[in-house]
Amino acid sequence: MGIASKAGDWAFKAFTAGLGVATIYLTATFSVNVYRGLAWHNSQSKIEKQGSNEQAP
């Protein structure tokens, strides 16, 4: 039971480490995507405001 127990412990540790790395990666990419989306939306709003100011009589 000693070797099987250690193998199971290592498998569990590797699995949880993988979940931790995946969580950190997904959090980082989500944050970057939110930032890019907000920046894109802000630039679109500025373009709309400039377009409406140019078309106003």
C-alpha atoms as a PDB file:
ATOM      1  CA  MET A   1       0.000   0.000   0.000  1.00  0.00           C
ATOM      2  CA  GLY A   2       2.976   2.315   0.464  1.00  0.00           C
ATOM      3  CA  ILE A   3       3.959   2.663  -3.201  1.00  0.00           C
ATOM      4  CA  ALA A   4       0.371   2.885  -4.452  1.00  0.00           C
ATOM      5  CA  SER A   5      -0.446   5.459  -1.788  1.00  0.00           C
ATOM      6  CA  LYS A   6       2.568   7.590  -2.736  1.00  0.00           C
ATOM      7  CA  ALA A   7       1.698   7.313  -6.437  1.00  0.00           C
ATOM      8  CA  GLY A   8      -1.845   8.411  -5.664  1.00  0.00           C
ATOM      9  CA  ASP A   9      -0.548  11.322  -3.583  1.00  0.00           C
ATOM     10  CA  TRP A  10       1.740  12.438  -6.397  1.00  0.00           C
ATOM     11  CA  ALA A  11      -1.054  12.088  -8.964  1.00  0.00           C
ATOM     12  CA  PHE A  12      -3.354  14.189  -6.788  1.00  0.00           C
ATOM     13  CA  LYS A  13      -0.660  16.816  -6.230  1.00  0.00           C
ATOM     14  CA  ALA A  14       0.047  16.989  -9.967  1.00  0.00           C
ATOM     15  CA  PHE A  15      -3.672  17.283 -10.717  1.00  0.00           C
ATOM     16  CA  THR A  16      -4.232  20.068  -8.192  1.00  0.00           C
ATOM     17  CA  ALA A  17      -1.097  21.873  -9.388  1.00  0.00           C
ATOM     18  CA  GLY A  18      -2.446  21.682 -12.929  1.00  0.00           C
ATOM     19  CA  LEU A  19      -5.764  23.118 -11.771  1.00  0.00           C
ATOM     20  CA  GLY A  20      -3.919  25.932 -10.027  1.00  0.00           C
ATOM     21  CA  VAL A  21      -1.909  26.782 -13.126  1.00  0.00           C
ATOM     22  CA  ALA A  22      -5.038  26.637 -15.293  1.00  0.00           C
ATOM     23  CA  THR A  23      -6.876  28.939 -12.866  1.00  0.00           C
ATOM     24  CA  ILE A  24      -4.052  31.483 -12.887  1.00  0.00           C
ATOM     25  CA  TYR A  25      -3.814  31.341 -16.699  1.00  0.00           C
ATOM     26  CA  LEU A  26      -7.561  31.745 -17.185  1.00  0.00           C
ATOM     27  CA  THR A  27      -7.712  34.605 -14.681  1.00  0.00           C
ATOM     28  CA  ALA A  28      -4.872  36.413 -16.431  1.00  0.00           C
ATOM     29  CA  THR A  29      -6.304  35.961 -19.925  1.00  0.00           C
ATOM     30  CA  PHE A  30      -9.774  36.968 -18.737  1.00  0.00           C
ATOM     31  CA  SER A  31      -8.373  40.148 -17.203  1.00  0.00           C
ATOM     32  CA  VAL A  32      -6.480  40.990 -20.392  1.00  0.00           C
ATOM     33  CA  ASN A  33      -9.584  40.378 -22.508  1.00  0.00           C
ATOM     34  CA  VAL A  34     -11.734  42.573 -20.266  1.00  0.00           C
ATOM     35  CA  TYR A  35      -9.135  45.347 -20.510  1.00  0.00           C
ATOM     36  CA  ARG A  36      -8.975  45.037 -24.302  1.00  0.00           C
ATOM     37  CA  GLY A  37     -12.761  44.988 -24.563  1.00  0.00           C
ATOM     38  CA  LEU A  38     -13.128  48.109 -22.437  1.00  0.00           C
ATOM     39  CA  ALA A  39     -10.391  49.869 -24.405  1.00  0.00           C
ATOM     40  CA  TRP A  40     -12.096  48.909 -27.692  1.00  0.00           C
ATOM     41  CA  HIS A  41     -15.474  50.094 -26.433  1.00  0.00           C
ATOM     42  CA  ASN A  42     -13.966  53.374 -25.267  1.00  0.00           C
ATOM     43  CA  SER A  43     -12.328  53.985 -28.636  1.00  0.00           C
ATOM     44  CA  GLN A  44     -15.593  53.184 -30.443  1.00  0.00           C
ATOM     45  CA  SER A  45     -17.436  55.679 -28.253  1.00  0.00           C
ATOM     46  CA  LYS A  46     -14.868  58.364 -29.086  1.00  0.00           C
ATOM     47  CA  ILE A  47     -15.203  57.631 -32.816  1.00  0.00           C
ATOM     48  CA  GLU A  48     -19.006  57.871 -32.560  1.00  0.00           C
ATOM     49  CA  LYS A  49     -18.803  61.186 -30.719  1.00  0.00           C
ATOM     50  CA  GLN A  50     -16.386  62.607 -33.288  1.00  0.00           C
ATOM     51  CA  GLY A  51     -18.612  61.418 -36.139  1.00  0.00           C
ATOM     52  CA  SER A  52     -21.740  62.938 -34.634  1.00  0.00           C
ATOM     53  CA  ASN A  53     -19.951  66.254 -33.998  1.00  0.00           C
ATOM     54  CA  GLU A  54     -18.759  66.442 -37.601  1.00  0.00           C
ATOM     55  CA  GLN A  55     -22.231  65.702 -38.988  1.00  0.00           C
ATOM     56  CA  ALA A  56     -24.053  68.209 -36.764  1.00  0.00           C
ATOM     57  CA  PRO A  57     -25.100  71.397 -38.633  1.00  0.00           C
END
